[in-house]
Amino acid sequence: MPVSLSVIIITHNEASNIVDCLAGVSFADEIVVLDSGSTDQTAELARAAGAVVHISPDWPGFGPQKNRALALARGEWVLSLDADERVTPELAAQIQRVMAGGEGLAYKLPRLTQFCGHWIHHCGWTPDHVLRLFRRGAARFSDDLVHERVLVSQDRVECLQAPLLHFSYPTPAHYWRKLEQYSQAWARQRHAMGQTTSMSRAALAGVVAFARAYIFRLGFLDGAMGFAVCTMQAQAAFGKYFALYCLNQDHEAPPNP
């Protein structure tokens, strides 16, 4: 049978998210889950929900892992999701409509993110247009270890209107865990590219990140949670440069006699 839409999702210990994520894309012809060795029930729950589950024994980084999942898809169209994202009925209808139209090549989805139970409408988090829907063969993911991008072969990207819901940070602990993961991956990638930094650059990155998010991107309009988000973004900006600084120092340190 021809496959019109393949949904691809990479996972690791997403048992608390995967069922709700898959429920929103039940209209897809194929759902591919590429799991990187979860120790919870992610794989079993995904199979029970109708997904085709593949297990990857290693973790090459977000970009390469998503390209692996893309290679497993058979659909004419591909929708890439994270396990903590939800496709609403309104967004599902728009996706099916543009696929039926057959004119576009790739589409960005406006993403709305929740932080500790509050929807964040400013802080640079909204609008957050993420390219997730594209024709298979017309795009691939960058090879970045973190903050990967969809690379489209032609400049034909349009935007949908209904939001993609993002439940990324249910508690501060989730944020700090992701911050550490992303900061270390970003620092390793930049260190491998030969980039160096200083402590003053790390401090400046944190100050600029807070000012940009809280003042220029109107984070103050999100109240107390907006302040928390902007403060954590400042910490994230400082943290990734601090991690790179430490890698530079380790590399430059003379060997022990």
Protein backbone atom coordinates (compact mmCIF):
# COMPACT_ATOMS: atom_id res chain seq x y z
CA MET A 1 0.00 0.00 0.00
CA PRO A 2 1.31 3.49 -0.79
CA VAL A 3 2.29 5.54 2.24
CA SER A 4 1.29 9.20 2.18
CA LEU A 5 2.57 10.36 5.58
CA SER A 6 5.29 8.97 7.81
CA VAL A 7 5.71 10.37 11.32
CA ILE A 8 9.24 9.96 12.70
CA ILE A 9 10.11 10.29 16.40
CA ILE A 10 13.41 9.64 18.17
CA THR A 11 13.09 8.64 21.82
CA HIS A 12 14.98 7.84 24.99
CA ASN A 13 13.04 7.14 28.19
CA GLU A 14 9.88 8.90 27.02
CA ALA A 15 7.30 6.56 28.59
CA SER A 16 5.52 9.55 30.16
CA ASN A 17 5.11 11.25 26.78
CA ILE A 18 4.99 8.74 23.95
CA VAL A 19 1.35 7.61 24.24
CA ASP A 20 -0.08 11.14 24.13
CA CYS A 21 2.30 12.07 21.31
CA LEU A 22 1.24 9.13 19.16
CA ALA A 23 -2.46 9.70 19.87
CA GLY A 24 -2.28 13.02 18.07
CA VAL A 25 -0.91 11.50 14.86
CA SER A 26 -3.21 8.51 14.53
CA PHE A 27 -4.16 9.85 11.08
CA ALA A 28 -0.67 9.07 9.75
CA ASP A 29 -0.13 6.08 7.45
CA GLU A 30 3.08 5.11 9.26
CA ILE A 31 4.69 6.00 12.58
CA VAL A 32 8.39 5.25 12.98
CA VAL A 33 9.93 5.41 16.46
CA LEU A 34 13.72 5.15 16.70
CA ASP A 35 14.63 4.48 20.31
CA SER A 36 18.16 4.79 21.66
CA GLY A 37 18.02 2.10 24.32
CA SER A 38 15.34 3.31 26.72
CA THR A 39 15.30 1.64 30.11
CA ASP A 40 11.62 2.38 30.70
CA GLN A 41 8.55 1.20 28.76
CA THR A 42 8.92 3.62 25.82
CA ALA A 43 9.39 0.96 23.14
CA GLU A 44 6.62 -1.30 24.43
CA LEU A 45 4.14 1.56 24.71
CA ALA A 46 4.99 2.80 21.23
CA ARG A 47 4.46 -0.66 19.73
CA ALA A 48 1.15 -1.02 21.56
CA ALA A 49 0.06 2.31 20.06
CA GLY A 50 0.76 1.07 16.54
CA ALA A 51 4.23 2.46 15.88
CA VAL A 52 7.01 0.58 14.12
CA VAL A 53 9.82 0.65 16.68
CA HIS A 54 13.52 0.38 15.84
CA ILE A 55 16.29 0.26 18.45
CA SER A 56 19.58 2.07 18.00
CA PRO A 57 22.40 0.75 20.20
CA ASP A 58 24.37 4.01 20.14
CA TRP A 59 23.72 7.75 20.31
CA PRO A 60 25.40 9.78 17.52
CA GLY A 61 23.70 13.10 18.37
CA PHE A 62 20.32 14.62 17.53
CA GLY A 63 20.95 15.41 13.87
CA PRO A 64 22.47 12.05 12.87
CA GLN A 65 19.84 10.15 14.87
CA LYS A 66 17.00 11.98 13.13
CA ASN A 67 18.58 11.21 9.76
CA ARG A 68 18.56 7.54 10.76
CA ALA A 69 14.85 7.79 11.52
CA LEU A 70 14.27 9.62 8.24
CA ALA A 71 15.97 6.79 6.34
CA LEU A 72 13.43 4.35 7.84
CA ALA A 73 10.42 6.35 6.62
CA ARG A 74 8.55 5.27 3.49
CA GLY A 75 5.98 8.04 3.12
CA GLU A 76 5.75 10.65 0.42
CA TRP A 77 5.55 13.18 3.26
CA VAL A 78 7.44 13.15 6.57
CA LEU A 79 6.39 14.78 9.85
CA SER A 80 9.18 14.90 12.43
CA LEU A 81 8.13 15.19 16.06
CA ASP A 82 9.67 15.09 19.50
CA ALA A 83 7.97 12.89 22.07
CA ASP A 84 7.00 15.89 24.21
CA GLU A 85 5.09 17.53 21.33
CA ARG A 86 1.38 17.20 20.55
CA VAL A 87 -0.45 17.60 17.24
CA THR A 88 -3.86 19.14 17.87
CA PRO A 89 -6.92 18.18 15.77
CA GLU A 90 -6.74 21.61 14.11
CA LEU A 91 -3.10 21.11 13.15
CA ALA A 92 -3.81 17.56 11.95
CA ALA A 93 -6.51 18.92 9.63
CA GLN A 94 -4.15 21.53 8.22
CA ILE A 95 -1.42 18.94 7.64
CA GLN A 96 -3.81 16.67 5.74
CA ARG A 97 -5.10 19.61 3.73
CA VAL A 98 -1.69 20.80 2.51
CA MET A 99 -0.61 17.24 1.68
CA ALA A 100 -3.75 16.80 -0.41
CA GLY A 101 -3.06 20.07 -2.20
CA GLY A 102 0.28 18.75 -3.36
CA GLU A 103 1.86 22.14 -4.07
CA GLY A 104 4.22 22.81 -1.18
CA LEU A 105 7.61 21.29 -0.48
CA ALA A 106 8.10 21.96 3.24
CA TYR A 107 6.14 23.58 6.05
CA LYS A 108 6.97 25.25 9.33
CA LEU A 109 4.68 24.73 12.32
CA PRO A 110 4.14 27.46 14.94
CA ARG A 111 5.13 25.89 18.25
CA LEU A 112 3.68 26.94 21.61
CA THR A 113 5.70 25.81 24.64
CA GLN A 114 4.52 25.17 28.17
CA PHE A 115 6.82 25.81 31.13
CA CYS A 116 5.86 24.41 34.57
CA GLY A 117 2.19 24.36 33.63
CA HIS A 118 2.11 27.85 32.02
CA TRP A 119 1.99 28.64 28.33
CA ILE A 120 4.78 31.07 27.40
CA HIS A 121 3.72 33.63 24.79
CA HIS A 122 6.86 35.78 24.68
CA CYS A 123 10.52 35.43 25.82
CA GLY A 124 11.56 34.49 22.27
CA TRP A 125 9.69 31.20 22.69
CA THR A 126 6.67 32.45 20.72
CA PRO A 127 6.48 32.72 17.80
CA ASP A 128 8.67 29.65 17.33
CA HIS A 129 8.28 28.34 13.79
CA VAL A 130 9.87 24.91 13.42
CA LEU A 131 10.25 23.16 10.08
CA ARG A 132 8.80 19.69 10.65
CA LEU A 133 6.69 18.71 7.62
CA PHE A 134 8.36 18.06 4.28
CA ARG A 135 8.36 15.84 1.24
CA ARG A 136 10.66 12.86 1.66
CA GLY A 137 13.73 13.29 -0.51
CA ALA A 138 13.50 17.08 -0.45
CA ALA A 139 15.09 17.58 2.97
CA ARG A 140 17.40 16.09 5.56
CA PHE A 141 18.62 17.02 9.02
CA SER A 142 21.89 18.79 9.69
CA ASP A 143 24.57 16.70 11.40
CA ASP A 144 24.65 18.92 14.49
CA LEU A 145 24.87 17.05 17.78
CA VAL A 146 22.29 19.44 19.24
CA HIS A 147 19.97 22.14 17.85
CA GLU A 148 19.79 20.32 14.53
CA ARG A 149 18.02 21.93 11.56
CA VAL A 150 16.03 20.65 8.61
CA LEU A 151 17.94 21.41 5.41
CA VAL A 152 15.59 21.84 2.44
CA SER A 153 16.92 21.33 -1.07
CA GLN A 154 14.85 24.21 -2.44
CA ASP A 155 13.64 27.49 -1.00
CA ARG A 156 9.95 26.59 -0.89
CA VAL A 157 9.00 26.72 2.78
CA GLU A 158 5.54 27.82 3.88
CA CYS A 159 3.91 28.16 7.31
CA LEU A 160 0.86 26.52 8.83
CA GLN A 161 -1.36 28.36 11.31
CA ALA A 162 -2.48 25.90 13.99
CA PRO A 163 0.09 25.51 16.79
CA LEU A 164 2.17 22.48 17.65
CA LEU A 165 1.98 22.11 21.45
CA HIS A 166 5.26 21.59 23.27
CA PHE A 167 5.24 20.16 26.81
CA SER A 168 8.99 20.32 27.19
CA TYR A 169 9.46 21.53 30.76
CA PRO A 170 6.82 20.22 33.20
CA THR A 171 9.14 20.96 36.16
CA PRO A 172 12.33 23.00 36.72
CA ALA A 173 14.21 19.70 37.10
CA HIS A 174 13.37 18.80 33.50
CA TYR A 175 14.78 22.14 32.37
CA TRP A 176 18.04 21.71 34.26
CA ARG A 177 18.53 18.20 32.90
CA LYS A 178 18.05 19.39 29.32
CA LEU A 179 20.25 22.40 29.96
CA GLU A 180 23.13 20.19 31.04
CA GLN A 181 22.65 17.81 28.11
CA TYR A 182 22.44 20.54 25.48
CA SER A 183 25.25 22.65 26.96
CA GLN A 184 27.68 19.75 26.99
CA ALA A 185 26.75 18.64 23.47
CA TRP A 186 27.03 22.20 22.12
CA ALA A 187 30.40 22.70 23.82
CA ARG A 188 31.82 19.41 22.51
CA GLN A 189 30.70 20.26 18.99
CA ARG A 190 32.20 23.75 19.05
CA HIS A 191 35.39 22.49 20.70
CA ALA A 192 35.80 19.91 17.93
CA MET A 193 35.47 22.77 15.42
CA GLY A 194 38.33 24.59 17.13
CA GLN A 195 36.28 27.35 18.73
CA THR A 196 37.63 28.97 21.89
CA THR A 197 36.05 31.32 24.40
CA SER A 198 36.72 33.18 27.63
CA MET A 199 35.00 33.59 30.96
CA SER A 200 34.08 37.17 30.08
CA ARG A 201 32.44 35.93 26.87
CA ALA A 202 30.43 33.41 28.90
CA ALA A 203 29.30 36.10 31.34
CA LEU A 204 28.38 38.48 28.51
CA ALA A 205 26.36 35.75 26.80
CA GLY A 206 24.26 35.31 29.93
CA VAL A 207 23.60 39.04 30.35
CA VAL A 208 22.71 39.54 26.70
CA ALA A 209 20.42 36.49 26.69
CA PHE A 210 18.43 37.81 29.66
CA ALA A 211 18.11 41.33 28.26
CA ARG A 212 17.06 40.09 24.85
CA ALA A 213 14.44 37.67 26.20
CA TYR A 214 13.03 39.74 29.07
CA ILE A 215 13.08 43.23 27.55
CA PHE A 216 13.29 43.10 23.77
CA ARG A 217 11.23 39.91 23.39
CA LEU A 218 8.72 41.05 26.01
CA GLY A 219 9.30 38.28 28.51
CA PHE A 220 8.02 40.56 31.29
CA LEU A 221 4.53 40.18 29.81
CA ASP A 222 4.55 36.51 30.87
CA GLY A 223 4.76 37.53 34.53
CA ALA A 224 6.65 35.50 37.11
CA MET A 225 7.08 32.52 34.80
CA GLY A 226 8.39 34.82 32.09
CA PHE A 227 11.05 36.07 34.51
CA ALA A 228 11.94 32.46 35.39
CA VAL A 229 12.20 31.49 31.71
CA CYS A 230 14.43 34.47 30.88
CA THR A 231 16.66 33.82 33.90
CA MET A 232 17.06 30.17 32.92
CA GLN A 233 17.81 31.17 29.33
CA ALA A 234 20.57 33.41 30.67
CA GLN A 235 21.90 30.46 32.67
CA ALA A 236 21.74 28.31 29.53
CA ALA A 237 23.70 30.86 27.50
CA PHE A 238 26.34 31.17 30.22
CA GLY A 239 26.44 27.40 30.76
CA LYS A 240 27.25 26.42 27.18
CA TYR A 241 30.11 28.93 26.92
CA PHE A 242 31.37 27.96 30.36
CA ALA A 243 31.39 24.30 29.29
CA LEU A 244 33.36 25.26 26.18
CA TYR A 245 35.75 27.32 28.31
CA CYS A 246 36.41 24.30 30.53
CA LEU A 247 37.06 22.10 27.51
CA ASN A 248 39.53 24.69 26.19
CA GLN A 249 41.30 24.77 29.55
CA ASP A 250 41.54 20.98 29.73
CA HIS A 251 42.96 20.89 26.21
CA GLU A 252 45.55 23.56 26.91
CA ALA A 253 46.67 22.25 30.29
CA PRO A 254 50.22 20.84 30.23
CA PRO A 255 50.56 17.11 30.91
CA ASN A 256 51.43 16.03 34.44
CA PRO A 257 55.12 15.23 34.91
